[in-house]
Amino acid sequence: MFEARHTMDAPTTASADNGTSGGGSGGWFTPRTQPATTPDSEREAVQGSRLAAMRPMGRTAADTDTDKDQPAEGAPQSAPHAEPAPETAAPHPSAAQPPAADPSSSEALPADLRVPTQRANAPAAQPQEPVVQSGAQSASPDALLIRRTMAEVAPIADKVTSYFYALLFVRHPDLRSLFPAAMDTQRDRLLKALLTAAEHIDNTEVLVAYLQNLGRGHRKYGTRAEHYPAVGECLIGALSKYASGSWDAETEAAWVRAYTTISQVMIDAAAADELRAPAWWYAEIVAHDLRTPDVAVVTVRPDQPYPFLAGQYTSLETPWWPRIWRHYSFASAPRSDGLLTFHVKAVPAGWVSNALVHRARPGDIIRLGPPAGSMTVDHTTDSGLLCLGGGTGIAPIKALVEDVAEHGERRTVEVFYGARTDHDLYDIDTMLRLQQSHPWLSVRAVIDQQAHLQLPDAIREYGPWNEFDAYLSGPPGMIRSGLDALRNIGIPAERIRHDSVEELVTIGG
């Protein structure tokens, strides 16, 4: 169905038909409106002119010679013999051969765009209002059926997603080129997205916001309204096969209604976003500061104005791994010069992170997706800010501090900067300089190996925090333990902000 980052952001699909596999609508999803699209040739020309407008700097012949093992920027690339494991943010599509006809052994595909296709015996779905409801009401009939399906397939999620992607690539082989060569992470995203939707199917406010973010984020993959039917068709096919114990005509109708509603929300969000922003931005790397052997601070200049809020993140694609997107938080508040900065840690077998840390240099061109995330400061209140940043998770925390300073506020900001060793406190000097400039800011380093105390536990020694808004950024494990710690000391869940990859199913990239 949908995808999730710091996320929720899986790829999209393209269908050759109009939403049915057997001809005729049969009640299957047909978009109300289709976002304006340009012919492929025109789109490529527009993209080419934007890229040409970027003036790479600092690349000499000698520089190029050192990159002989790297494919030319934008050139087709094949997966290495030993495919690296995906990072903590989900990737996007990349060219590869269609899978074998055996669905049980096929690879996986995007998990966000799912519109069912008419099966010969599928009941026609009558147009209905969205089944989601706001408030803590009892579950709707459709929600109960959908959750029953998810409960049955959860223990065999790998088989379900493999079969789904096999169906998609066998029935619609033209779609395979939209996805990454390696589908490991993509495979996991489908179930996470389905679970997210099932959990919030009766909560209009939460579900719609989630879907709108996905719809906007999918534009960078080239997703269009007509792509959704093929995904839905194959999703229904996979669920009906593996949820045989609970699947019936009523259950299928519930899934069709839910998917139709979900798809329309995403399509409408993409159409609205198309009127105000590009699907992606080209950006030139203008500075590359290697802070440690595996952490780099990368600064880029977008080819067009890039609006975002402090605390948000974006998805990023490098020329070395086309169609593989990863999420990174902005490491500063919006700047007058328009430059954007990211903190990147190279993780073992990390495709994008290793490229950005070890291969990227000034002059290289990357692509950025739209900004996303809700870990932003509410400037309508004067509540204090309790910020927990672990590792490169200090990047958005630094941006939040700058944001408070730029608004001229003197609200208390308490920052706990967590690291395993002194060596990992790569940005502590920057944070201490901010502390010297702003008396309302306090920065405390928490080093595991010295204090034998993890970051979430350290905050219990200070406080009280009941009047603070809390912000969490760092590895998924730190966010989970941090949430527990913050709730245990009395901070209400609605006052805790974080954008974890796990939560966003996303994050994209």
Protein backbone atom coordinates (compact mmCIF):
# COMPACT_ATOMS: atom_id res chain seq x y z
CA MET A 1 0.00 0.00 0.00
CA PHE A 2 2.17 2.74 1.09
CA GLU A 3 5.64 3.03 2.06
CA ALA A 4 7.57 5.18 5.55
CA ARG A 5 12.44 7.88 8.24
CA HIS A 6 13.18 9.52 9.81
CA THR A 7 10.12 6.20 6.66
CA MET A 8 8.27 6.32 5.71
CA ASP A 9 9.07 6.39 1.26
CA ALA A 10 8.76 3.45 -0.98
CA PRO A 11 8.72 3.53 -4.76
CA THR A 12 5.81 3.45 -7.05
CA THR A 13 4.51 1.51 -9.94
CA ALA A 14 3.31 1.98 -13.45
CA SER A 15 0.45 0.07 -15.01
CA ALA A 16 -0.16 -0.38 -18.69
CA ASP A 17 -3.90 -0.60 -18.21
CA ASN A 18 -6.42 1.72 -16.64
CA GLY A 19 -6.74 -0.06 -13.34
CA THR A 20 -8.07 -3.46 -14.25
CA SER A 21 -6.45 -6.71 -15.19
CA GLY A 22 -9.40 -8.18 -16.97
CA GLY A 23 -10.73 -5.15 -18.77
CA GLY A 24 -13.57 -2.98 -17.52
CA SER A 25 -13.64 -1.07 -14.28
CA GLY A 26 -15.54 -3.56 -12.18
CA GLY A 27 -15.51 -1.11 -9.31
CA TRP A 28 -11.73 -0.86 -9.18
CA PHE A 29 -10.02 2.41 -8.55
CA THR A 30 -10.08 5.04 -11.24
CA PRO A 31 -8.43 8.35 -10.33
CA ARG A 32 -10.74 11.34 -10.19
CA THR A 33 -8.09 13.63 -11.50
CA GLN A 34 -4.71 12.95 -12.96
CA PRO A 35 -1.78 15.18 -12.11
CA ALA A 36 -0.44 17.01 -15.10
CA THR A 37 2.43 15.05 -16.61
CA THR A 38 4.84 15.98 -19.30
CA PRO A 39 5.89 13.55 -22.03
CA ASP A 40 8.98 11.59 -21.14
CA SER A 41 11.09 13.39 -23.67
CA GLU A 42 9.97 16.76 -22.40
CA ARG A 43 10.53 15.73 -18.79
CA GLU A 44 14.03 14.52 -19.61
CA ALA A 45 14.78 17.77 -21.37
CA VAL A 46 13.64 19.76 -18.36
CA GLN A 47 15.71 17.63 -16.02
CA GLY A 48 18.69 17.89 -18.32
CA SER A 49 18.51 21.66 -18.43
CA ARG A 50 18.32 21.83 -14.62
CA LEU A 51 21.33 19.56 -14.31
CA ALA A 52 23.26 21.51 -16.91
CA ALA A 53 22.58 24.70 -14.99
CA MET A 54 24.56 23.28 -12.07
CA ARG A 55 28.20 24.20 -12.43
CA PRO A 56 30.31 21.45 -10.85
CA MET A 57 33.33 22.91 -9.16
CA GLY A 58 36.68 21.56 -8.08
CA ARG A 59 36.74 18.48 -10.33
CA THR A 60 40.07 18.18 -12.10
CA ALA A 61 41.30 15.55 -14.50
CA ALA A 62 43.30 14.05 -11.68
CA ASP A 63 40.16 13.85 -9.57
CA THR A 64 38.37 11.99 -12.29
CA ASP A 65 41.20 9.51 -12.69
CA THR A 66 40.91 8.48 -9.08
CA ASP A 67 37.28 7.51 -9.66
CA LYS A 68 37.85 4.97 -12.39
CA ASP A 69 35.90 2.37 -10.49
CA GLN A 70 32.87 4.63 -10.31
CA PRO A 71 30.25 4.63 -13.06
CA ALA A 72 29.64 7.87 -14.87
CA GLU A 73 27.07 10.08 -13.26
CA GLY A 74 23.63 9.16 -14.48
CA ALA A 75 24.89 6.15 -16.42
CA PRO A 76 23.16 2.78 -16.07
CA GLN A 77 24.71 0.73 -13.33
CA SER A 78 24.53 -2.88 -12.35
CA ALA A 79 24.55 -4.24 -8.85
CA PRO A 80 27.92 -5.36 -7.49
CA HIS A 81 28.70 -9.05 -7.22
CA ALA A 82 28.16 -8.89 -3.48
CA GLU A 83 25.26 -6.59 -2.86
CA PRO A 84 25.68 -4.45 0.24
CA ALA A 85 22.99 -4.61 2.86
CA PRO A 86 20.56 -1.69 2.83
CA GLU A 87 20.84 1.06 5.42
CA THR A 88 18.27 2.10 7.93
CA ALA A 89 16.23 4.04 5.43
CA ALA A 90 14.39 2.39 2.62
CA PRO A 91 15.61 2.56 -0.98
CA HIS A 92 13.85 3.14 -4.25
CA PRO A 93 13.70 1.30 -7.53
CA SER A 94 16.51 0.50 -9.88
CA ALA A 95 16.80 -1.33 -13.16
CA ALA A 96 17.02 -5.09 -13.06
CA GLN A 97 15.72 -8.13 -14.90
CA PRO A 98 12.14 -9.23 -14.16
CA PRO A 99 11.95 -12.00 -11.57
CA ALA A 100 11.35 -15.61 -12.39
CA ALA A 101 7.79 -16.62 -12.99
CA ASP A 102 7.65 -18.38 -9.64
CA PRO A 103 6.07 -15.79 -7.32
CA SER A 104 7.37 -17.48 -4.21
CA SER A 105 10.97 -16.71 -5.11
CA SER A 106 10.58 -13.26 -6.58
CA GLU A 107 12.04 -10.02 -5.36
CA ALA A 108 10.11 -7.20 -3.75
CA LEU A 109 8.72 -3.91 -5.00
CA PRO A 110 7.35 -0.60 -3.66
CA ALA A 111 5.12 -0.78 -0.72
CA ASP A 112 3.16 2.39 -0.98
CA LEU A 113 1.10 2.44 -4.07
CA ARG A 114 -1.39 -0.30 -3.91
CA VAL A 115 -4.53 -0.28 -5.96
CA PRO A 116 -6.31 -3.57 -6.47
CA THR A 117 -6.97 -4.96 -9.93
CA GLN A 118 -10.23 -6.66 -10.84
CA ARG A 119 -10.16 -10.40 -10.43
CA ALA A 120 -12.67 -12.49 -12.33
CA ASN A 121 -14.71 -13.29 -9.25
CA ALA A 122 -14.03 -10.11 -7.31
CA PRO A 123 -17.15 -8.32 -6.05
CA ALA A 124 -17.71 -4.88 -7.44
CA ALA A 125 -16.84 -2.21 -4.92
CA GLN A 126 -19.45 0.47 -4.62
CA PRO A 127 -18.22 4.05 -4.19
CA GLN A 128 -18.20 4.86 -0.51
CA GLU A 129 -17.01 7.54 1.77
CA PRO A 130 -13.64 6.85 3.42
CA VAL A 131 -13.96 4.22 6.09
CA VAL A 132 -11.59 6.01 8.42
CA GLN A 133 -12.98 7.90 11.35
CA SER A 134 -11.46 10.29 13.81
CA GLY A 135 -11.54 9.84 17.53
CA ALA A 136 -11.31 6.82 19.75
CA GLN A 137 -14.49 5.16 18.48
CA SER A 138 -14.93 1.43 18.25
CA ALA A 139 -13.35 -0.12 15.16
CA SER A 140 -15.35 0.03 11.95
CA PRO A 141 -16.34 -3.22 10.19
CA ASP A 142 -13.76 -2.66 7.45
CA ALA A 143 -11.04 -1.98 10.02
CA LEU A 144 -11.81 -5.25 11.78
CA LEU A 145 -11.59 -7.18 8.51
CA ILE A 146 -8.33 -5.51 7.49
CA ARG A 147 -6.73 -6.09 10.87
CA ARG A 148 -7.83 -9.71 10.79
CA THR A 149 -6.05 -10.13 7.47
CA MET A 150 -2.89 -8.50 8.78
CA ALA A 151 -2.88 -10.68 11.88
CA GLU A 152 -3.00 -13.78 9.70
CA VAL A 153 -0.23 -12.77 7.29
CA ALA A 154 2.14 -11.16 9.81
CA PRO A 155 3.92 -14.43 10.73
CA ILE A 156 4.60 -15.15 7.04
CA ALA A 157 5.33 -11.61 5.92
CA ASP A 158 8.35 -12.61 3.82
CA LYS A 159 6.30 -15.01 1.73
CA VAL A 160 3.50 -12.50 1.25
CA THR A 161 5.76 -9.68 0.12
CA SER A 162 7.82 -11.93 -2.14
CA TYR A 163 4.69 -13.24 -3.80
CA PHE A 164 3.30 -9.70 -4.14
CA TYR A 165 6.40 -8.44 -5.92
CA ALA A 166 6.57 -11.55 -8.08
CA LEU A 167 3.02 -11.02 -9.22
CA LEU A 168 3.71 -7.38 -9.96
CA PHE A 169 6.86 -8.00 -11.98
CA VAL A 170 5.47 -11.00 -13.86
CA ARG A 171 2.17 -9.34 -14.76
CA HIS A 172 3.70 -5.91 -15.28
CA PRO A 173 7.38 -6.46 -16.20
CA ASP A 174 7.68 -2.86 -17.36
CA LEU A 175 7.49 -1.81 -13.72
CA ARG A 176 10.66 -3.62 -12.66
CA SER A 177 12.86 -0.78 -13.88
CA LEU A 178 11.29 1.51 -11.29
CA PHE A 179 12.79 -0.37 -8.39
CA PRO A 180 16.21 -0.94 -6.84
CA ALA A 181 18.30 -3.86 -8.03
CA ALA A 182 18.37 -5.11 -4.43
CA MET A 183 14.96 -5.27 -2.82
CA ASP A 184 15.84 -6.37 0.74
CA THR A 185 14.67 -3.25 2.51
CA GLN A 186 11.82 -2.71 0.07
CA ARG A 187 10.45 -6.12 0.96
CA ASP A 188 10.18 -5.18 4.63
CA ARG A 189 8.52 -1.87 3.92
CA LEU A 190 5.36 -3.37 2.48
CA LEU A 191 4.35 -5.11 5.70
CA LYS A 192 5.30 -2.10 7.83
CA ALA A 193 3.20 0.16 5.65
CA LEU A 194 0.24 -2.20 5.79
CA LEU A 195 0.52 -2.47 9.55
CA THR A 196 0.64 1.31 9.85
CA ALA A 197 -2.49 1.71 7.76
CA ALA A 198 -4.30 -1.07 9.59
CA GLU A 199 -3.45 0.49 12.92
CA HIS A 200 -4.77 3.91 11.94
CA ILE A 201 -7.54 2.95 9.51
CA ASP A 202 -10.17 4.53 11.78
CA ASN A 203 -8.14 7.63 12.60
CA THR A 204 -8.67 10.08 9.77
CA GLU A 205 -6.29 12.75 11.00
CA VAL A 206 -3.32 10.44 11.51
CA LEU A 207 -3.86 8.27 8.44
CA VAL A 208 -4.49 11.12 6.00
CA ALA A 209 -1.41 13.02 7.15
CA TYR A 210 0.66 9.86 6.75
CA LEU A 211 -0.71 9.16 3.27
CA GLN A 212 -0.32 12.74 2.08
CA ASN A 213 3.34 12.64 3.05
CA LEU A 214 3.75 9.41 1.11
CA GLY A 215 1.96 10.80 -1.91
CA ARG A 216 4.22 13.84 -2.04
CA GLY A 217 7.34 11.78 -1.43
CA HIS A 218 6.54 9.34 -4.22
CA ARG A 219 6.70 12.04 -6.85
CA LYS A 220 10.48 11.71 -6.96
CA TYR A 221 10.06 8.15 -8.18
CA GLY A 222 7.94 9.27 -11.12
CA THR A 223 4.76 7.89 -9.61
CA ARG A 224 1.55 8.83 -11.39
CA ALA A 225 -2.12 8.17 -10.75
CA GLU A 226 -2.29 5.40 -13.34
CA HIS A 227 0.41 3.46 -11.52
CA TYR A 228 -1.76 2.54 -8.56
CA PRO A 229 -4.15 -0.07 -10.03
CA ALA A 230 -1.47 -2.63 -10.86
CA VAL A 231 -0.15 -2.52 -7.31
CA GLY A 232 -3.59 -2.97 -5.82
CA GLU A 233 -4.32 -5.88 -8.09
CA CYS A 234 -1.21 -7.72 -6.96
CA LEU A 235 -1.65 -6.78 -3.34
CA ILE A 236 -5.10 -8.34 -3.31
CA GLY A 237 -3.70 -11.39 -5.09
CA ALA A 238 -1.00 -11.89 -2.47
CA LEU A 239 -3.26 -11.29 0.52
CA SER A 240 -5.99 -13.60 -0.78
CA LYS A 241 -3.43 -16.40 -1.25
CA TYR A 242 -1.80 -16.19 2.16
CA ALA A 243 -4.78 -15.07 4.26
CA SER A 244 -6.92 -17.95 3.05
CA GLY A 245 -8.13 -18.68 6.54
CA SER A 246 -9.96 -15.37 6.83
CA TRP A 247 -10.32 -14.23 3.23
CA ASP A 248 -13.77 -13.97 1.69
CA ALA A 249 -15.73 -11.65 -0.57
CA GLU A 250 -16.52 -9.31 2.31
CA THR A 251 -12.85 -9.04 3.26
CA GLU A 252 -11.81 -8.38 -0.31
CA ALA A 253 -14.43 -5.66 -0.65
CA ALA A 254 -13.12 -4.01 2.53
CA TRP A 255 -9.57 -4.01 1.16
CA VAL A 256 -10.75 -2.57 -2.15
CA ARG A 257 -12.60 0.25 -0.40
CA ALA A 258 -9.67 1.02 1.88
CA TYR A 259 -7.12 0.93 -0.90
CA THR A 260 -9.24 3.08 -3.15
CA THR A 261 -9.51 5.70 -0.43
CA ILE A 262 -5.83 5.47 0.43
CA SER A 263 -4.78 5.80 -3.21
CA GLN A 264 -6.94 8.84 -3.80
CA VAL A 265 -5.51 10.64 -0.78
CA MET A 266 -1.98 10.03 -2.07
CA ILE A 267 -2.83 11.06 -5.62
CA ASP A 268 -4.55 14.26 -4.50
CA ALA A 269 -1.59 15.16 -2.32
CA ALA A 270 0.83 14.61 -5.20
CA ALA A 271 -1.32 16.70 -7.56
CA ALA A 272 -1.46 19.58 -5.09
CA ASP A 273 2.27 19.37 -4.43
CA GLU A 274 3.02 19.42 -8.16
CA LEU A 275 1.57 22.91 -8.37
CA ARG A 276 4.04 24.33 -5.87
CA ALA A 277 7.25 22.29 -5.90
CA PRO A 278 9.40 20.10 -8.15
CA ALA A 279 9.43 16.35 -7.65
CA TRP A 280 13.11 16.59 -6.70
CA TRP A 281 15.99 19.04 -6.55
CA TYR A 282 19.47 18.68 -8.00
CA ALA A 283 22.13 19.78 -5.55
CA GLU A 284 25.87 20.28 -5.94
CA ILE A 285 28.21 19.28 -3.14
CA VAL A 286 30.17 22.41 -2.23
CA ALA A 287 31.92 21.21 0.94
CA HIS A 288 32.89 17.82 2.35
CA ASP A 289 34.33 17.79 5.87
CA LEU A 290 35.49 14.40 7.13
CA ARG A 291 35.11 14.76 10.91
CA THR A 292 36.07 11.16 11.76
CA PRO A 293 37.05 8.19 9.59
CA ASP A 294 33.37 7.37 9.17
CA VAL A 295 31.49 10.65 9.70
CA ALA A 296 31.33 13.46 7.14
CA VAL A 297 29.58 16.82 7.19
CA VAL A 298 28.33 17.38 3.65
CA THR A 299 27.12 20.79 2.43
CA VAL A 300 25.18 21.15 -0.83
CA ARG A 301 23.74 23.95 -2.97
CA PRO A 302 20.30 23.12 -4.46
CA ASP A 303 19.59 24.23 -8.02
CA GLN A 304 16.32 25.83 -6.87
CA PRO A 305 15.13 27.31 -3.56
CA TYR A 306 14.53 24.50 -1.08
CA PRO A 307 12.01 25.37 1.64
CA PHE A 308 12.13 23.33 4.84
CA LEU A 309 11.82 23.67 8.62
CA ALA A 310 14.48 23.07 11.24
CA GLY A 311 14.14 19.52 12.55
CA GLN A 312 12.94 18.06 9.26
CA TYR A 313 14.70 15.59 6.98
CA THR A 314 14.88 14.76 3.29
CA SER A 315 15.59 11.75 1.09
CA LEU A 316 18.82 11.77 -0.88
CA GLU A 317 20.07 9.91 -3.97
CA THR A 318 23.69 9.74 -5.15
CA PRO A 319 24.96 9.26 -8.72
CA TRP A 320 26.69 6.01 -7.67
CA TRP A 321 23.48 4.27 -6.63
CA PRO A 322 20.61 5.48 -8.85
CA ARG A 323 17.13 4.93 -7.42
CA ILE A 324 18.48 4.18 -3.95
CA TRP A 325 17.26 6.88 -1.56
CA ARG A 326 18.20 7.38 2.06
CA HIS A 327 16.88 9.81 4.66
CA TYR A 328 19.06 12.47 6.28
CA SER A 329 18.12 15.27 8.64
CA PHE A 330 19.06 18.86 7.95
CA ALA A 331 21.90 19.87 10.26
CA SER A 332 20.98 23.56 10.40
CA ALA A 333 18.01 25.87 10.33
CA PRO A 334 17.25 27.43 6.90
CA ARG A 335 20.15 29.65 5.86
CA SER A 336 20.15 32.92 3.95
CA ASP A 337 22.64 31.51 1.42
CA GLY A 338 20.33 28.57 0.66
CA LEU A 339 22.95 25.93 1.47
CA LEU A 340 21.95 22.66 3.13
CA THR A 341 24.11 20.56 5.45
CA PHE A 342 23.89 16.89 6.40
CA HIS A 343 25.80 14.73 8.88
CA VAL A 344 26.47 11.30 7.38
CA LYS A 345 27.87 8.25 9.15
CA ALA A 346 29.13 5.42 6.96
CA VAL A 347 27.56 2.22 8.23
CA PRO A 348 28.75 -1.30 7.38
CA ALA A 349 27.68 -2.18 3.83
CA GLY A 350 25.74 1.09 3.64
CA TRP A 351 25.34 2.00 -0.01
CA VAL A 352 24.52 5.67 0.15
CA SER A 353 26.28 6.51 3.41
CA ASN A 354 29.59 5.02 2.28
CA ALA A 355 29.35 6.83 -1.04
CA LEU A 356 28.72 10.16 0.69
CA VAL A 357 31.48 9.69 3.26
CA HIS A 358 34.19 8.02 1.19
CA ARG A 359 33.51 8.87 -2.47
CA ALA A 360 31.72 12.19 -2.66
CA ARG A 361 33.68 15.38 -3.27
CA PRO A 362 32.86 19.01 -4.06
CA GLY A 363 31.41 19.22 -7.53
CA ASP A 364 29.42 16.00 -7.38
CA ILE A 365 25.70 16.28 -8.08
CA ILE A 366 23.10 14.53 -5.95
CA ARG A 367 19.30 14.61 -5.90
CA LEU A 368 17.07 15.61 -3.01
CA GLY A 369 13.46 14.64 -2.41
CA PRO A 370 10.95 16.93 -0.68
CA PRO A 371 11.34 17.82 3.01
CA ALA A 372 9.34 15.83 5.53
CA GLY A 373 9.03 15.27 9.25
CA SER A 374 7.21 16.79 12.20
CA MET A 375 10.06 17.13 14.69
CA THR A 376 9.79 20.92 14.56
CA VAL A 377 9.56 23.65 17.18
CA ASP A 378 6.16 25.06 18.16
CA HIS A 379 6.89 28.77 18.37
CA THR A 380 3.41 29.58 19.70
CA THR A 381 4.44 28.32 23.16
CA ASP A 382 7.28 29.11 25.55
CA SER A 383 7.77 25.56 26.81
CA GLY A 384 11.31 24.42 27.36
CA LEU A 385 12.93 21.98 24.94
CA LEU A 386 14.48 18.72 26.12
CA CYS A 387 16.58 17.38 23.25
CA LEU A 388 18.21 13.95 23.07
CA GLY A 389 20.59 13.41 20.16
CA GLY A 390 22.60 10.23 19.68
CA GLY A 391 25.43 9.99 17.15
CA THR A 392 24.57 11.85 13.93
CA GLY A 393 21.15 12.40 15.52
CA ILE A 394 22.70 15.57 16.91
CA ALA A 395 22.25 17.13 13.43
CA PRO A 396 18.53 18.00 13.70
CA ILE A 397 18.99 18.93 17.38
CA LYS A 398 21.56 21.53 16.31
CA ALA A 399 19.07 22.82 13.74
CA LEU A 400 16.39 23.17 16.44
CA VAL A 401 18.75 25.18 18.65
CA GLU A 402 19.52 27.53 15.74
CA ASP A 403 15.81 27.85 15.03
CA VAL A 404 15.05 28.93 18.61
CA ALA A 405 17.93 31.42 18.49
CA GLU A 406 16.78 32.92 15.19
CA HIS A 407 13.30 33.49 16.58
CA GLY A 408 14.84 35.58 19.36
CA GLU A 409 13.32 33.39 22.05
CA ARG A 410 14.87 32.80 25.44
CA ARG A 411 13.09 29.55 26.24
CA THR A 412 15.16 26.95 28.05
CA VAL A 413 16.79 24.36 25.80
CA GLU A 414 18.48 21.34 27.39
CA VAL A 415 20.55 19.18 25.04
CA PHE A 416 21.87 15.71 25.90
CA TYR A 417 24.44 14.63 23.31
CA GLY A 418 24.98 10.88 23.46
CA ALA A 419 27.95 8.93 22.11
CA ARG A 420 29.76 5.68 22.77
CA THR A 421 33.21 7.28 23.06
CA ASP A 422 34.80 10.74 23.11
CA HIS A 423 35.77 10.11 19.51
CA ASP A 424 32.09 9.90 18.52
CA LEU A 425 31.35 13.41 19.81
CA TYR A 426 32.36 14.78 16.41
CA ASP A 427 30.23 17.95 16.70
CA ILE A 428 30.67 18.75 20.38
CA ASP A 429 32.75 21.89 19.67
CA THR A 430 29.92 23.35 17.60
CA MET A 431 27.38 22.63 20.31
CA LEU A 432 29.59 24.16 23.02
CA ARG A 433 30.05 27.32 20.95
CA LEU A 434 26.28 27.60 20.68
CA GLN A 435 26.06 27.19 24.44
CA GLN A 436 28.52 30.03 24.97
CA SER A 437 26.48 32.31 22.71
CA HIS A 438 23.07 31.51 24.23
CA PRO A 439 22.64 31.52 28.03
CA TRP A 440 19.32 29.69 27.75
CA LEU A 441 21.08 26.66 26.20
CA SER A 442 22.68 23.83 28.17
CA VAL A 443 24.66 21.03 26.49
CA ARG A 444 25.62 17.81 28.28
CA ALA A 445 27.67 15.03 26.73
CA VAL A 446 26.77 11.50 27.76
CA ILE A 447 29.49 8.99 26.89
CA ASP A 448 28.50 5.35 27.36
CA GLN A 449 31.96 3.94 27.90
CA GLN A 450 32.81 6.48 30.58
CA ALA A 451 29.57 6.80 32.51
CA HIS A 452 28.33 3.25 31.90
CA LEU A 453 25.03 5.01 31.42
CA GLN A 454 23.02 5.23 28.24
CA LEU A 455 21.58 8.50 27.04
CA PRO A 456 17.90 7.92 27.96
CA ASP A 457 18.88 6.91 31.49
CA ALA A 458 20.99 10.02 32.01
CA ILE A 459 18.05 12.38 31.75
CA ARG A 460 16.51 10.85 34.88
CA GLU A 461 19.28 12.47 36.91
CA TYR A 462 18.17 15.93 35.86
CA GLY A 463 14.85 17.69 35.58
CA PRO A 464 12.01 17.91 36.36
CA TRP A 465 10.88 17.80 32.71
CA ASN A 466 7.10 17.90 33.01
CA GLU A 467 6.94 21.41 31.49
CA PHE A 468 9.21 20.55 28.54
CA ASP A 469 8.60 19.47 24.98
CA ALA A 470 10.90 16.53 24.20
CA TYR A 471 12.78 15.82 20.96
CA LEU A 472 14.48 12.53 20.08
CA SER A 473 16.90 11.87 17.24
CA GLY A 474 19.30 9.00 16.76
CA PRO A 475 19.46 5.25 16.08
CA PRO A 476 16.13 3.36 16.27
CA GLY A 477 17.18 1.59 19.47
CA MET A 478 17.94 4.89 21.18
CA ILE A 479 14.60 6.31 20.11
CA ARG A 480 12.72 3.32 21.50
CA SER A 481 14.50 3.44 24.84
CA GLY A 482 14.28 7.23 24.88
CA LEU A 483 10.51 7.13 24.41
CA ASP A 484 10.16 4.75 27.34
CA ALA A 485 12.39 6.89 29.53
CA LEU A 486 10.58 10.12 28.71
CA ARG A 487 7.16 8.60 29.33
CA ASN A 488 8.34 7.11 32.60
CA ILE A 489 9.40 10.53 33.90
CA GLY A 490 5.98 11.95 33.11
CA ILE A 491 6.26 13.65 29.73
CA PRO A 492 2.97 13.08 27.84
CA ALA A 493 3.28 11.25 24.52
CA GLU A 494 1.82 14.23 22.64
CA ARG A 495 4.75 16.36 23.80
CA ILE A 496 7.41 13.94 22.52
CA ARG A 497 8.55 14.52 18.94
CA HIS A 498 10.68 12.21 16.82
CA ASP A 499 10.89 10.98 13.25
CA SER A 500 12.35 7.49 13.25
CA VAL A 501 12.75 5.41 10.14
CA GLU A 502 10.76 2.67 11.75
CA GLU A 503 7.87 4.98 12.55
CA LEU A 504 7.71 6.44 9.07
CA VAL A 505 7.86 3.03 7.43
CA THR A 506 9.70 5.77 5.21
CA ILE A 507 11.10 7.41 5.68
CA GLY A 508 12.02 6.80 1.37
CA GLY A 509 14.70 6.45 1.14
